[in-house]
Amino acid sequence: MKFKKLVCIDETKMNEASVKRLHDFADEVEVFSDYPEDQQTIIDRAKNAEAILVSWHTEISAEVIDAAPNLRYIGMACSLYDVESANVAVDHARSKGITVTGIFDYGDPGVGEFIISELIQLLNGYKGKIWKNEPVELNSLKIGIIGLGVTGQLLADYLQPFQPSIYYFSRTRKADYEQKGVKFLELEELLKTCDVISIHLPKHTELLNYSQFEQLGKAKILINTSLGRPFELDAFENWLQNEGNFAIFDGDAMASLPEKFSGYDQVISNKVSAGWSLQTKNRLSEKVIENIQEYIQQESTEG
């Protein structure tokens, strides 16, 4: 059982081999390699499709779904943590009998490598900016991870050979990581205790406000590779004025900030999104294809 038409709504970052494989699942395949700037463009691309694939960059709203009467499958080429943080109107789609799938654990190793690379360069002044007056080693630091999900856990694993003190705050306790020596602290205690804070939260999760930034204080490093901005903007800008504070962002996280922040000396910004290695794209592609295969097999069995 094939789809009549499958559309890649935007640049999903699927590799070439997997894009070719899409023709195994649909009579007609249309692939777009940009990010549509308005909803009407998204509607025009989706309106005749039975299946669409979409990255996290593009919103598939209820209006888009309603404008596509033949739609029965939405494949998110990105993580689907929960309906609140998703860029697809998941509940609305499912209420209309449309299957929505997401993928997990595809880009995390590259994110961990990005964080450690940028941190080492700042600690040692390799790019011209240095945290202290002289280089310091990772093993001297107290590093706090906010959000000990897959990416946070991977970062903790990557950090352990460097022997810093590692702490975490998460909605749920992680006994297996506590057994590894990663210590749980409540949020405010984590912010007070740690020299470095790395944030790993779902999109649209705003956690830090003025009170939390006051707890974080001076001479600290804040790292954000989450999608979106997990803090109040004014509170963050005020915190940046404190002596010795630095912030590190990858391209996706930096996109959530006004342009003026790229000019701050204390902000280390990257145009490139963390984690988009060859291996990441291959893992993403495989998982997207697997989801489509499972859907079609299930449909064939039920049919």
C-alpha atoms as a PDB file:
ATOM      1  CA  MET A   1       0.000   0.000   0.000  1.00  0.00           C
ATOM      2  CA  LYS A   2       1.527   3.295  -1.142  1.00  0.00           C
ATOM      3  CA  PHE A   3       0.651   6.913  -0.548  1.00  0.00           C
ATOM      4  CA  LYS A   4      -0.648   8.665  -3.619  1.00  0.00           C
ATOM      5  CA  LYS A   5       1.474  11.710  -2.838  1.00  0.00           C
ATOM      6  CA  LEU A   6       4.192  12.339  -0.247  1.00  0.00           C
ATOM      7  CA  VAL A   7       5.659  15.833   0.270  1.00  0.00           C
ATOM      8  CA  CYS A   8       8.755  16.929   2.156  1.00  0.00           C
ATOM      9  CA  ILE A   9       7.471  20.312   3.280  1.00  0.00           C
ATOM     10  CA  ASP A  10      10.919  21.759   3.989  1.00  0.00           C
ATOM     11  CA  GLU A  11      14.596  20.866   4.364  1.00  0.00           C
ATOM     12  CA  THR A  12      14.406  17.756   6.529  1.00  0.00           C
ATOM     13  CA  LYS A  13      18.172  17.050   6.264  1.00  0.00           C
ATOM     14  CA  MET A  14      17.482  13.506   5.100  1.00  0.00           C
ATOM     15  CA  ASN A  15      20.371  12.053   3.141  1.00  0.00           C
ATOM     16  CA  GLU A  16      20.154  11.533  -0.611  1.00  0.00           C
ATOM     17  CA  ALA A  17      19.733   7.771  -0.430  1.00  0.00           C
ATOM     18  CA  SER A  18      16.743   8.042   1.921  1.00  0.00           C
ATOM     19  CA  VAL A  19      15.095  10.743  -0.174  1.00  0.00           C
ATOM     20  CA  LYS A  20      15.305   8.350  -3.121  1.00  0.00           C
ATOM     21  CA  ARG A  21      13.756   5.612  -0.985  1.00  0.00           C
ATOM     22  CA  LEU A  22      10.660   7.755  -0.457  1.00  0.00           C
ATOM     23  CA  HIS A  23       9.595   6.719  -3.958  1.00  0.00           C
ATOM     24  CA  ASP A  24       9.137   3.186  -2.585  1.00  0.00           C
ATOM     25  CA  PHE A  25       6.325   4.505  -0.407  1.00  0.00           C
ATOM     26  CA  ALA A  26       4.478   6.911  -2.699  1.00  0.00           C
ATOM     27  CA  ASP A  27       3.387   7.171  -6.327  1.00  0.00           C
ATOM     28  CA  GLU A  28       4.409  10.824  -6.333  1.00  0.00           C
ATOM     29  CA  VAL A  29       7.099  12.443  -4.201  1.00  0.00           C
ATOM     30  CA  GLU A  30       7.734  16.180  -3.985  1.00  0.00           C
ATOM     31  CA  VAL A  31      10.738  17.442  -2.055  1.00  0.00           C
ATOM     32  CA  PHE A  32      11.368  21.038  -0.966  1.00  0.00           C
ATOM     33  CA  SER A  33      14.788  22.028   0.356  1.00  0.00           C
ATOM     34  CA  ASP A  34      14.016  25.409   1.907  1.00  0.00           C
ATOM     35  CA  TYR A  35      12.000  26.674   4.890  1.00  0.00           C
ATOM     36  CA  PRO A  36       8.684  28.291   3.912  1.00  0.00           C
ATOM     37  CA  GLU A  37       8.286  31.800   5.271  1.00  0.00           C
ATOM     38  CA  ASP A  38       4.496  31.941   5.502  1.00  0.00           C
ATOM     39  CA  GLN A  39       1.586  29.651   6.243  1.00  0.00           C
ATOM     40  CA  GLN A  40       0.051  29.923   2.790  1.00  0.00           C
ATOM     41  CA  THR A  41       3.189  28.416   1.277  1.00  0.00           C
ATOM     42  CA  ILE A  42       2.957  25.509   3.719  1.00  0.00           C
ATOM     43  CA  ILE A  43      -0.717  25.020   2.835  1.00  0.00           C
ATOM     44  CA  ASP A  44       0.055  25.057  -0.878  1.00  0.00           C
ATOM     45  CA  ARG A  45       2.716  22.385  -0.429  1.00  0.00           C
ATOM     46  CA  ALA A  46       0.608  20.131   1.800  1.00  0.00           C
ATOM     47  CA  LYS A  47      -2.891  20.493   0.374  1.00  0.00           C
ATOM     48  CA  ASN A  48      -2.830  17.528  -2.039  1.00  0.00           C
ATOM     49  CA  ALA A  49      -0.635  15.214   0.009  1.00  0.00           C
ATOM     50  CA  GLU A  50      -1.560  12.009   1.787  1.00  0.00           C
ATOM     51  CA  ALA A  51       1.730  12.105   3.697  1.00  0.00           C
ATOM     52  CA  ILE A  52       4.056  14.942   4.647  1.00  0.00           C
ATOM     53  CA  LEU A  53       7.493  15.075   6.237  1.00  0.00           C
ATOM     54  CA  VAL A  54       8.616  18.170   8.123  1.00  0.00           C
ATOM     55  CA  SER A  55      11.585  19.406  10.148  1.00  0.00           C
ATOM     56  CA  TRP A  56      11.282  21.277  13.462  1.00  0.00           C
ATOM     57  CA  HIS A  57      11.700  24.609  11.619  1.00  0.00           C
ATOM     58  CA  THR A  58       8.218  24.636  10.064  1.00  0.00           C
ATOM     59  CA  GLU A  59       4.902  24.784  11.901  1.00  0.00           C
ATOM     60  CA  ILE A  60       2.147  22.462  10.781  1.00  0.00           C
ATOM     61  CA  SER A  61      -0.833  24.215  12.320  1.00  0.00           C
ATOM     62  CA  ALA A  62      -4.450  23.113  12.567  1.00  0.00           C
ATOM     63  CA  GLU A  63      -5.168  25.371   9.595  1.00  0.00           C
ATOM     64  CA  VAL A  64      -2.580  23.584   7.468  1.00  0.00           C
ATOM     65  CA  ILE A  65      -3.991  20.208   8.475  1.00  0.00           C
ATOM     66  CA  ASP A  66      -7.563  21.279   7.703  1.00  0.00           C
ATOM     67  CA  ALA A  67      -6.464  22.501   4.262  1.00  0.00           C
ATOM     68  CA  ALA A  68      -5.136  19.020   3.388  1.00  0.00           C
ATOM     69  CA  PRO A  69      -8.257  16.799   3.181  1.00  0.00           C
ATOM     70  CA  ASN A  70      -6.340  13.707   2.014  1.00  0.00           C
ATOM     71  CA  LEU A  71      -3.695  13.849   4.717  1.00  0.00           C
ATOM     72  CA  ARG A  72      -3.288  10.683   6.787  1.00  0.00           C
ATOM     73  CA  TYR A  73       0.368  10.697   7.890  1.00  0.00           C
ATOM     74  CA  ILE A  74       2.708  13.382   9.272  1.00  0.00           C
ATOM     75  CA  GLY A  75       6.316  12.336   9.791  1.00  0.00           C
ATOM     76  CA  MET A  76       8.312  14.721  11.948  1.00  0.00           C
ATOM     77  CA  ALA A  77      11.993  14.597  10.992  1.00  0.00           C
ATOM     78  CA  CYS A  78      12.723  15.820  14.498  1.00  0.00           C
ATOM     79  CA  SER A  79      11.978  14.880  18.086  1.00  0.00           C
ATOM     80  CA  LEU A  80       8.428  14.574  19.372  1.00  0.00           C
ATOM     81  CA  TYR A  81       8.841  14.931  23.138  1.00  0.00           C
ATOM     82  CA  ASP A  82       5.276  16.022  23.864  1.00  0.00           C
ATOM     83  CA  VAL A  83       2.385  17.786  22.138  1.00  0.00           C
ATOM     84  CA  GLU A  84       3.068  21.090  23.916  1.00  0.00           C
ATOM     85  CA  SER A  85       6.574  21.513  22.493  1.00  0.00           C
ATOM     86  CA  ALA A  86       5.840  20.046  19.042  1.00  0.00           C
ATOM     87  CA  ASN A  87       5.778  22.219  15.917  1.00  0.00           C
ATOM     88  CA  VAL A  88       2.857  20.106  14.669  1.00  0.00           C
ATOM     89  CA  ALA A  89      -0.714  20.436  15.967  1.00  0.00           C
ATOM     90  CA  VAL A  90      -0.534  16.818  17.109  1.00  0.00           C
ATOM     91  CA  ASP A  91      -3.834  16.615  19.009  1.00  0.00           C
ATOM     92  CA  HIS A  92      -5.733  18.212  16.139  1.00  0.00           C
ATOM     93  CA  ALA A  93      -4.160  15.839  13.625  1.00  0.00           C
ATOM     94  CA  ARG A  94      -4.912  12.772  15.714  1.00  0.00           C
ATOM     95  CA  SER A  95      -8.503  13.905  16.254  1.00  0.00           C
ATOM     96  CA  LYS A  96      -8.887  13.674  12.482  1.00  0.00           C
ATOM     97  CA  GLY A  97      -7.396  10.189  12.330  1.00  0.00           C
ATOM     98  CA  ILE A  98      -4.005  11.379  11.076  1.00  0.00           C
ATOM     99  CA  THR A  99      -0.962   9.527  12.404  1.00  0.00           C
ATOM    100  CA  VAL A 100       1.894  11.711  13.682  1.00  0.00           C
ATOM    101  CA  THR A 101       5.330  10.232  14.327  1.00  0.00           C
ATOM    102  CA  GLY A 102       8.592  11.706  15.573  1.00  0.00           C
ATOM    103  CA  ILE A 103      12.155  10.484  16.013  1.00  0.00           C
ATOM    104  CA  PHE A 104      14.598  10.421  18.917  1.00  0.00           C
ATOM    105  CA  ASP A 105      18.290   9.998  19.709  1.00  0.00           C
ATOM    106  CA  TYR A 106      19.706  11.018  16.354  1.00  0.00           C
ATOM    107  CA  GLY A 107      21.845  14.130  16.942  1.00  0.00           C
ATOM    108  CA  ASP A 108      22.901  13.940  20.566  1.00  0.00           C
ATOM    109  CA  PRO A 109      26.566  12.861  20.186  1.00  0.00           C
ATOM    110  CA  GLY A 110      27.333  15.919  18.072  1.00  0.00           C
ATOM    111  CA  VAL A 111      25.696  18.204  20.620  1.00  0.00           C
ATOM    112  CA  GLY A 112      27.852  16.768  23.383  1.00  0.00           C
ATOM    113  CA  GLU A 113      30.991  17.229  21.290  1.00  0.00           C
ATOM    114  CA  PHE A 114      30.001  20.836  20.487  1.00  0.00           C
ATOM    115  CA  ILE A 115      29.528  21.718  24.159  1.00  0.00           C
ATOM    116  CA  ILE A 116      32.829  20.245  25.303  1.00  0.00           C
ATOM    117  CA  SER A 117      34.699  21.795  22.356  1.00  0.00           C
ATOM    118  CA  GLU A 118      33.336  25.294  22.945  1.00  0.00           C
ATOM    119  CA  LEU A 119      33.838  25.019  26.690  1.00  0.00           C
ATOM    120  CA  ILE A 120      37.491  23.979  26.379  1.00  0.00           C
ATOM    121  CA  GLN A 121      38.162  26.816  23.950  1.00  0.00           C
ATOM    122  CA  LEU A 122      36.630  29.400  26.308  1.00  0.00           C
ATOM    123  CA  LEU A 123      38.425  27.999  29.361  1.00  0.00           C
ATOM    124  CA  ASN A 124      41.767  28.246  27.548  1.00  0.00           C
ATOM    125  CA  GLY A 125      41.247  31.345  25.393  1.00  0.00           C
ATOM    126  CA  TYR A 126      41.833  29.506  22.134  1.00  0.00           C
ATOM    127  CA  LYS A 127      39.428  31.776  20.222  1.00  0.00           C
ATOM    128  CA  GLY A 128      40.487  35.015  21.887  1.00  0.00           C
ATOM    129  CA  LYS A 129      37.892  35.001  24.669  1.00  0.00           C
ATOM    130  CA  ILE A 130      38.860  33.519  28.012  1.00  0.00           C
ATOM    131  CA  TRP A 131      36.712  32.907  31.070  1.00  0.00           C
ATOM    132  CA  LYS A 132      39.310  33.645  33.760  1.00  0.00           C
ATOM    133  CA  ASN A 133      42.544  35.617  33.640  1.00  0.00           C
ATOM    134  CA  GLU A 134      44.421  32.416  32.842  1.00  0.00           C
ATOM    135  CA  PRO A 135      43.503  28.976  31.483  1.00  0.00           C
ATOM    136  CA  VAL A 136      41.685  26.506  33.709  1.00  0.00           C
ATOM    137  CA  GLU A 137      41.040  22.797  33.266  1.00  0.00           C
ATOM    138  CA  LEU A 138      37.711  21.005  33.063  1.00  0.00           C
ATOM    139  CA  ASN A 139      38.588  18.930  36.102  1.00  0.00           C
ATOM    140  CA  SER A 140      38.477  22.054  38.273  1.00  0.00           C
ATOM    141  CA  LEU A 141      34.851  22.838  37.411  1.00  0.00           C
ATOM    142  CA  LYS A 142      31.443  22.163  38.844  1.00  0.00           C
ATOM    143  CA  ILE A 143      29.153  21.584  35.862  1.00  0.00           C
ATOM    144  CA  GLY A 144      25.364  21.551  36.146  1.00  0.00           C
ATOM    145  CA  ILE A 145      23.037  19.984  33.593  1.00  0.00           C
ATOM    146  CA  ILE A 146      19.426  21.180  33.454  1.00  0.00           C
ATOM    147  CA  GLY A 147      17.336  18.452  31.857  1.00  0.00           C
ATOM    148  CA  LEU A 148      18.859  14.974  32.177  1.00  0.00           C
ATOM    149  CA  GLY A 149      17.111  13.455  29.200  1.00  0.00           C
ATOM    150  CA  VAL A 150      18.938  11.724  26.375  1.00  0.00           C
ATOM    151  CA  THR A 151      21.160  14.700  25.480  1.00  0.00           C
ATOM    152  CA  GLY A 152      21.829  15.646  29.093  1.00  0.00           C
ATOM    153  CA  GLN A 153      22.778  12.065  29.928  1.00  0.00           C
ATOM    154  CA  LEU A 154      25.078  11.842  26.945  1.00  0.00           C
ATOM    155  CA  LEU A 155      26.788  15.088  27.987  1.00  0.00           C
ATOM    156  CA  ALA A 156      27.290  13.692  31.491  1.00  0.00           C
ATOM    157  CA  ASP A 157      28.857  10.557  29.995  1.00  0.00           C
ATOM    158  CA  TYR A 158      31.138  12.603  27.754  1.00  0.00           C
ATOM    159  CA  LEU A 159      32.258  14.828  30.642  1.00  0.00           C
ATOM    160  CA  GLN A 160      33.142  12.086  33.093  1.00  0.00           C
ATOM    161  CA  PRO A 161      36.597  11.213  31.637  1.00  0.00           C
ATOM    162  CA  PHE A 162      37.581  14.883  32.188  1.00  0.00           C
ATOM    163  CA  GLN A 163      36.644  14.495  35.900  1.00  0.00           C
ATOM    164  CA  PRO A 164      34.732  17.668  36.668  1.00  0.00           C
ATOM    165  CA  SER A 165      32.117  17.559  39.438  1.00  0.00           C
ATOM    166  CA  ILE A 166      28.809  16.926  37.642  1.00  0.00           C
ATOM    167  CA  TYR A 167      25.388  17.898  38.974  1.00  0.00           C
ATOM    168  CA  TYR A 168      21.909  17.867  37.476  1.00  0.00           C
ATOM    169  CA  PHE A 169      18.348  19.107  37.865  1.00  0.00           C
ATOM    170  CA  SER A 170      15.483  17.297  36.176  1.00  0.00           C
ATOM    171  CA  ARG A 171      11.759  16.801  36.637  1.00  0.00           C
ATOM    172  CA  THR A 172      12.471  13.201  37.577  1.00  0.00           C
ATOM    173  CA  ARG A 173      15.390  11.733  39.488  1.00  0.00           C
ATOM    174  CA  LYS A 174      17.810   9.561  37.519  1.00  0.00           C
ATOM    175  CA  ALA A 175      19.015   6.871  39.934  1.00  0.00           C
ATOM    176  CA  ASP A 176      21.285   5.227  37.373  1.00  0.00           C
ATOM    177  CA  TYR A 177      23.181   8.482  36.821  1.00  0.00           C
ATOM    178  CA  GLU A 178      23.352   9.229  40.517  1.00  0.00           C
ATOM    179  CA  GLN A 179      25.069   5.859  40.886  1.00  0.00           C
ATOM    180  CA  LYS A 180      27.618   7.132  38.342  1.00  0.00           C
ATOM    181  CA  GLY A 181      28.360  10.092  40.608  1.00  0.00           C
ATOM    182  CA  VAL A 182      26.133  12.690  38.943  1.00  0.00           C
ATOM    183  CA  LYS A 183      24.565  14.487  41.903  1.00  0.00           C
ATOM    184  CA  PHE A 184      20.986  15.806  41.977  1.00  0.00           C
ATOM    185  CA  LEU A 185      20.397  19.367  43.197  1.00  0.00           C
ATOM    186  CA  GLU A 186      17.245  21.432  43.251  1.00  0.00           C
ATOM    187  CA  LEU A 187      17.319  24.164  40.623  1.00  0.00           C
ATOM    188  CA  GLU A 188      18.316  27.132  42.762  1.00  0.00           C
ATOM    189  CA  GLU A 189      20.996  25.131  44.568  1.00  0.00           C
ATOM    190  CA  LEU A 190      22.335  23.930  41.211  1.00  0.00           C
ATOM    191  CA  LEU A 191      22.580  27.509  39.951  1.00  0.00           C
ATOM    192  CA  LYS A 192      24.399  28.650  43.112  1.00  0.00           C
ATOM    193  CA  THR A 193      26.792  25.712  43.155  1.00  0.00           C
ATOM    194  CA  CYS A 194      27.907  25.281  39.552  1.00  0.00           C
ATOM    195  CA  ASP A 195      30.435  27.238  37.488  1.00  0.00           C
ATOM    196  CA  VAL A 196      28.870  26.038  34.225  1.00  0.00           C
ATOM    197  CA  ILE A 197      25.202  25.418  33.451  1.00  0.00           C
ATOM    198  CA  SER A 198      24.176  23.524  30.300  1.00  0.00           C
ATOM    199  CA  ILE A 199      20.482  23.595  29.411  1.00  0.00           C
ATOM    200  CA  HIS A 200      18.744  20.701  27.637  1.00  0.00           C
ATOM    201  CA  LEU A 201      15.002  21.321  27.621  1.00  0.00           C
ATOM    202  CA  PRO A 202      12.126  20.796  25.181  1.00  0.00           C
ATOM    203  CA  LYS A 203      11.146  23.656  22.911  1.00  0.00           C
ATOM    204  CA  HIS A 204       8.912  26.351  24.491  1.00  0.00           C
ATOM    205  CA  THR A 205      10.116  25.520  28.026  1.00  0.00           C
ATOM    206  CA  GLU A 206      10.992  28.757  29.836  1.00  0.00           C
ATOM    207  CA  LEU A 207      12.642  27.928  33.156  1.00  0.00           C
ATOM    208  CA  LEU A 208      14.964  30.762  34.189  1.00  0.00           C
ATOM    209  CA  ASN A 209      13.727  34.184  35.285  1.00  0.00           C
ATOM    210  CA  TYR A 210      15.220  37.079  37.259  1.00  0.00           C
ATOM    211  CA  SER A 211      15.220  35.120  40.494  1.00  0.00           C
ATOM    212  CA  GLN A 212      17.093  32.178  38.981  1.00  0.00           C
ATOM    213  CA  PHE A 213      19.649  34.422  37.262  1.00  0.00           C
ATOM    214  CA  GLU A 214      20.305  36.117  40.604  1.00  0.00           C
ATOM    215  CA  GLN A 215      21.047  32.683  42.047  1.00  0.00           C
ATOM    216  CA  LEU A 216      23.382  31.964  39.128  1.00  0.00           C
ATOM    217  CA  GLY A 217      25.322  35.147  39.889  1.00  0.00           C
ATOM    218  CA  LYS A 218      28.748  36.201  38.640  1.00  0.00           C
ATOM    219  CA  ALA A 219      31.671  34.537  36.870  1.00  0.00           C
ATOM    220  CA  LYS A 220      29.545  31.741  35.399  1.00  0.00           C
ATOM    221  CA  ILE A 221      29.119  30.130  31.980  1.00  0.00           C
ATOM    222  CA  LEU A 222      25.643  29.417  30.576  1.00  0.00           C
ATOM    223  CA  ILE A 223      25.319  27.021  27.628  1.00  0.00           C
ATOM    224  CA  ASN A 224      22.115  26.595  25.638  1.00  0.00           C
ATOM    225  CA  THR A 225      21.670  24.125  22.796  1.00  0.00           C
ATOM    226  CA  SER A 226      17.921  23.718  23.361  1.00  0.00           C
ATOM    227  CA  LEU A 227      15.511  24.646  20.597  1.00  0.00           C
ATOM    228  CA  GLY A 228      14.232  28.049  21.566  1.00  0.00           C
ATOM    229  CA  ARG A 229      14.889  30.270  24.563  1.00  0.00           C
ATOM    230  CA  PRO A 230      14.514  28.642  28.002  1.00  0.00           C
ATOM    231  CA  PHE A 231      14.806  31.918  29.915  1.00  0.00           C
ATOM    232  CA  GLU A 232      13.310  35.391  30.209  1.00  0.00           C
ATOM    233  CA  LEU A 233      15.136  37.620  27.743  1.00  0.00           C
ATOM    234  CA  ASP A 234      15.426  40.698  29.962  1.00  0.00           C
ATOM    235  CA  ALA A 235      16.631  38.611  32.883  1.00  0.00           C
ATOM    236  CA  PHE A 236      19.294  37.003  30.700  1.00  0.00           C
ATOM    237  CA  GLU A 237      20.453  40.362  29.337  1.00  0.00           C
ATOM    238  CA  ASN A 238      20.700  41.746  32.861  1.00  0.00           C
ATOM    239  CA  TRP A 239      22.742  38.707  33.972  1.00  0.00           C
ATOM    240  CA  LEU A 240      25.191  39.250  31.106  1.00  0.00           C
ATOM    241  CA  GLN A 241      26.219  42.567  32.630  1.00  0.00           C
ATOM    242  CA  ASN A 242      27.791  40.781  35.597  1.00  0.00           C
ATOM    243  CA  GLU A 243      31.563  40.516  35.548  1.00  0.00           C
ATOM    244  CA  GLY A 244      32.941  37.253  34.213  1.00  0.00           C
ATOM    245  CA  ASN A 245      29.700  35.847  32.813  1.00  0.00           C
ATOM    246  CA  PHE A 246      29.679  34.152  29.402  1.00  0.00           C
ATOM    247  CA  ALA A 247      26.983  32.456  27.338  1.00  0.00           C
ATOM    248  CA  ILE A 248      27.487  29.856  24.586  1.00  0.00           C
ATOM    249  CA  PHE A 249      24.822  29.147  21.946  1.00  0.00           C
ATOM    250  CA  ASP A 250      24.675  26.971  18.873  1.00  0.00           C
ATOM    251  CA  GLY A 251      22.886  28.181  15.737  1.00  0.00           C
ATOM    252  CA  ASP A 252      19.422  26.887  16.650  1.00  0.00           C
ATOM    253  CA  ALA A 253      19.505  28.356  20.150  1.00  0.00           C
ATOM    254  CA  MET A 254      20.973  31.649  18.895  1.00  0.00           C
ATOM    255  CA  ALA A 255      18.103  32.011  16.425  1.00  0.00           C
ATOM    256  CA  SER A 256      15.751  32.589  19.367  1.00  0.00           C
ATOM    257  CA  LEU A 257      17.607  35.748  20.421  1.00  0.00           C
ATOM    258  CA  PRO A 258      17.432  39.245  18.916  1.00  0.00           C
ATOM    259  CA  GLU A 259      20.290  40.065  16.558  1.00  0.00           C
ATOM    260  CA  LYS A 260      21.920  42.490  19.023  1.00  0.00           C
ATOM    261  CA  PHE A 261      23.079  39.627  21.240  1.00  0.00           C
ATOM    262  CA  SER A 262      25.485  38.380  18.578  1.00  0.00           C
ATOM    263  CA  GLY A 263      27.439  41.591  19.171  1.00  0.00           C
ATOM    264  CA  TYR A 264      27.905  41.051  22.901  1.00  0.00           C
ATOM    265  CA  ASP A 265      31.511  40.242  23.855  1.00  0.00           C
ATOM    266  CA  GLN A 266      30.259  37.803  26.481  1.00  0.00           C
ATOM    267  CA  VAL A 267      28.130  35.829  24.011  1.00  0.00           C
ATOM    268  CA  ILE A 268      29.754  33.085  21.977  1.00  0.00           C
ATOM    269  CA  SER A 269      27.348  32.500  19.120  1.00  0.00           C
ATOM    270  CA  ASN A 270      27.485  30.006  16.299  1.00  0.00           C
ATOM    271  CA  LYS A 271      25.634  30.119  12.999  1.00  0.00           C
ATOM    272  CA  VAL A 272      25.872  26.347  12.708  1.00  0.00           C
ATOM    273  CA  SER A 273      23.473  24.091  14.602  1.00  0.00           C
ATOM    274  CA  ALA A 274      25.201  21.674  16.947  1.00  0.00           C
ATOM    275  CA  GLY A 275      25.164  18.017  16.077  1.00  0.00           C
ATOM    276  CA  TRP A 276      24.511  18.076  12.326  1.00  0.00           C
ATOM    277  CA  SER A 277      27.232  15.624  11.424  1.00  0.00           C
ATOM    278  CA  LEU A 278      27.147  13.055   8.648  1.00  0.00           C
ATOM    279  CA  GLN A 279      26.268  10.444  11.258  1.00  0.00           C
ATOM    280  CA  THR A 280      23.412  12.570  12.607  1.00  0.00           C
ATOM    281  CA  LYS A 281      21.871  12.923   9.158  1.00  0.00           C
ATOM    282  CA  ASN A 282      22.192   9.197   8.559  1.00  0.00           C
ATOM    283  CA  ARG A 283      20.531   8.343  11.879  1.00  0.00           C
ATOM    284  CA  LEU A 284      17.747  10.862  11.233  1.00  0.00           C
ATOM    285  CA  SER A 285      17.149   9.463   7.751  1.00  0.00           C
ATOM    286  CA  GLU A 286      17.001   5.867   8.948  1.00  0.00           C
ATOM    287  CA  LYS A 287      14.536   6.668  11.706  1.00  0.00           C
ATOM    288  CA  VAL A 288      12.232   8.677   9.402  1.00  0.00           C
ATOM    289  CA  ILE A 289      12.182   5.812   6.905  1.00  0.00           C
ATOM    290  CA  GLU A 290      11.553   3.260   9.679  1.00  0.00           C
ATOM    291  CA  ASN A 291       8.521   5.242  10.872  1.00  0.00           C
ATOM    292  CA  ILE A 292       7.057   5.353   7.365  1.00  0.00           C
ATOM    293  CA  GLN A 293       7.641   1.635   6.893  1.00  0.00           C
ATOM    294  CA  GLU A 294       5.956   0.792  10.190  1.00  0.00           C
ATOM    295  CA  TYR A 295       2.946   2.945   9.324  1.00  0.00           C
ATOM    296  CA  ILE A 296       2.505   1.398   5.875  1.00  0.00           C
ATOM    297  CA  GLN A 297       2.920  -2.142   7.240  1.00  0.00           C
ATOM    298  CA  GLN A 298       0.327  -1.471   9.899  1.00  0.00           C
ATOM    299  CA  GLU A 299      -2.057   0.021   7.357  1.00  0.00           C
ATOM    300  CA  SER A 300      -1.576  -2.979   5.054  1.00  0.00           C
ATOM    301  CA  THR A 301      -2.239  -5.414   7.900  1.00  0.00           C
ATOM    302  CA  GLU A 302      -5.356  -3.598   9.055  1.00  0.00           C
ATOM    303  CA  GLY A 303      -6.545  -3.126   5.489  1.00  0.00           C
END
